[in-house]
Protein backbone atom coordinates (compact mmCIF):
# COMPACT_ATOMS: atom_id res chain seq x y z
CA MET A 1 -19.61 186.29 5.46
CA ASN A 2 -23.33 186.71 6.60
CA ASP A 3 -24.73 188.87 3.63
CA HIS A 4 -28.02 189.86 6.01
CA PRO A 5 -28.05 193.61 6.74
CA MET A 6 -27.34 194.72 10.20
CA ILE A 7 -29.10 198.10 9.48
CA LYS A 8 -31.96 198.52 6.79
CA ILE A 9 -33.70 201.62 5.99
CA GLU A 10 -36.61 201.60 3.65
CA ASN A 11 -38.42 204.38 2.16
CA LEU A 12 -37.78 206.65 5.27
CA THR A 13 -39.65 209.73 4.89
CA LYS A 14 -39.82 212.74 7.67
CA TYR A 15 -41.96 215.69 7.52
CA TYR A 16 -41.95 218.86 9.99
CA GLY A 17 -45.36 220.25 8.97
CA ASN A 18 -45.04 220.79 5.16
CA THR A 19 -41.47 220.71 4.86
CA CYS A 20 -40.04 217.33 3.58
CA ALA A 21 -36.74 216.81 5.92
CA VAL A 22 -36.04 213.13 4.59
CA ASP A 23 -37.45 212.11 1.31
CA GLU A 24 -37.94 208.32 0.91
CA ILE A 25 -34.17 207.23 1.53
CA SER A 26 -32.89 203.56 1.34
CA PHE A 27 -29.98 201.85 2.06
CA GLU A 28 -28.36 198.84 3.94
CA ILE A 29 -25.44 198.71 5.90
CA ARG A 30 -23.68 195.21 6.52
CA LYS A 31 -21.33 194.22 9.18
CA GLY A 32 -18.26 195.67 8.98
CA GLU A 33 -19.14 198.25 6.80
CA VAL A 34 -18.97 202.06 7.62
CA LEU A 35 -21.22 204.64 6.25
CA GLY A 36 -21.18 208.56 6.03
CA LEU A 37 -23.87 210.81 5.78
CA LEU A 38 -22.49 213.56 3.70
CA GLY A 39 -24.49 216.86 2.59
CA PRO A 40 -25.12 220.64 3.17
CA ASN A 41 -26.96 221.80 6.19
CA GLY A 42 -30.44 221.39 6.03
CA ALA A 43 -29.99 217.82 3.93
CA GLY A 44 -31.84 215.71 6.45
CA LYS A 45 -28.36 213.79 7.75
CA THR A 46 -29.19 214.58 11.60
CA THR A 47 -33.01 213.61 11.28
CA THR A 48 -31.76 210.97 9.61
CA MET A 49 -29.58 209.91 12.62
CA ARG A 50 -32.21 210.74 15.20
CA MET A 51 -34.89 208.48 13.61
CA LEU A 52 -32.21 205.80 13.24
CA THR A 53 -31.57 205.69 16.86
CA CYS A 54 -35.32 205.93 17.83
CA PHE A 55 -35.32 209.71 19.16
CA LEU A 56 -37.74 210.70 16.30
CA ARG A 57 -40.65 208.75 14.63
CA PRO A 58 -40.55 208.93 10.97
CA SER A 59 -43.47 210.06 9.12
CA SER A 60 -43.30 206.84 7.28
CA GLY A 61 -40.91 204.18 5.98
CA ASP A 62 -39.05 201.73 8.17
CA ILE A 63 -35.74 201.19 10.00
CA LYS A 64 -34.46 197.45 10.90
CA VAL A 65 -31.65 197.14 13.04
CA LYS A 66 -30.62 193.59 13.07
CA ASP A 67 -34.31 192.19 12.73
CA PHE A 68 -35.91 194.70 15.25
CA SER A 69 -38.35 197.13 13.77
CA ILE A 70 -38.64 200.73 14.68
CA GLU A 71 -41.87 200.32 15.02
CA GLU A 72 -42.33 197.34 17.45
CA ASN A 73 -38.71 197.29 18.98
CA ALA A 74 -37.37 200.87 19.62
CA LEU A 75 -35.91 200.09 23.08
CA GLU A 76 -34.12 197.01 21.71
CA ILE A 77 -32.76 199.22 18.84
CA LYS A 78 -31.82 202.02 21.37
CA LYS A 79 -29.87 199.25 23.26
CA LEU A 80 -27.93 198.39 20.23
CA ILE A 81 -26.89 201.69 18.79
CA GLY A 82 -24.47 204.39 20.61
CA TYR A 83 -25.19 207.98 19.46
CA LEU A 84 -23.29 210.92 20.64
CA PRO A 85 -24.72 214.17 18.29
CA GLU A 86 -22.25 216.80 17.59
CA SER A 87 -22.88 218.77 20.74
CA ALA A 88 -23.70 217.37 23.88
CA PRO A 89 -27.73 217.75 24.38
CA LEU A 90 -27.42 218.49 28.08
CA TYR A 91 -24.40 220.04 28.77
CA PRO A 92 -22.92 222.05 25.95
CA ASP A 93 -19.73 223.45 27.65
CA MET A 94 -18.64 219.83 28.61
CA ILE A 95 -15.82 218.64 26.37
CA VAL A 96 -16.60 215.01 24.84
CA TYR A 97 -14.45 212.87 27.06
CA ASP A 98 -16.12 214.60 30.11
CA TYR A 99 -19.67 214.17 28.80
CA LEU A 100 -18.74 210.54 27.67
CA ARG A 101 -17.39 209.82 31.60
CA PHE A 102 -20.56 211.50 33.00
CA ILE A 103 -22.82 209.30 30.72
CA ALA A 104 -20.89 206.29 31.73
CA ASP A 105 -20.82 206.89 35.16
CA MET A 106 -24.53 207.40 35.20
CA LYS A 107 -25.25 204.15 33.49
CA TYR A 108 -22.79 202.02 35.39
C-alpha cells in the first residue's frame, strides 16, 4: 500500500483579525482512511474545512492534496474535493437531495 498521504496539512493557522480560529494544526490522511473533525462550536472545524476546500485562505501553513499545494494549485484541489456544508449556502430551504440534484444538473 502506498504510504504517501492523500491530504497533508502542516501548521495550518487562520486568524480573523486578532482572533485565532485555527492554531497550527497538522495531520495527514492516507488513501482509505476516514477522518472526523470533532469539537465544540467555535473550535475551528468549519474554518479548517473551508481552507482545505480552498474557499478560505489560511493565514499561514500549507495544505497539499495529492501533490497539489493550496498556494499554487487551488483550482486542481477544488476539482478533487467535494464539500457540502451543513446548510446549503444558496438555498437554505432546499433539502439535501434536491440541492445535490440542482448542483449536478448545473454542472452537467
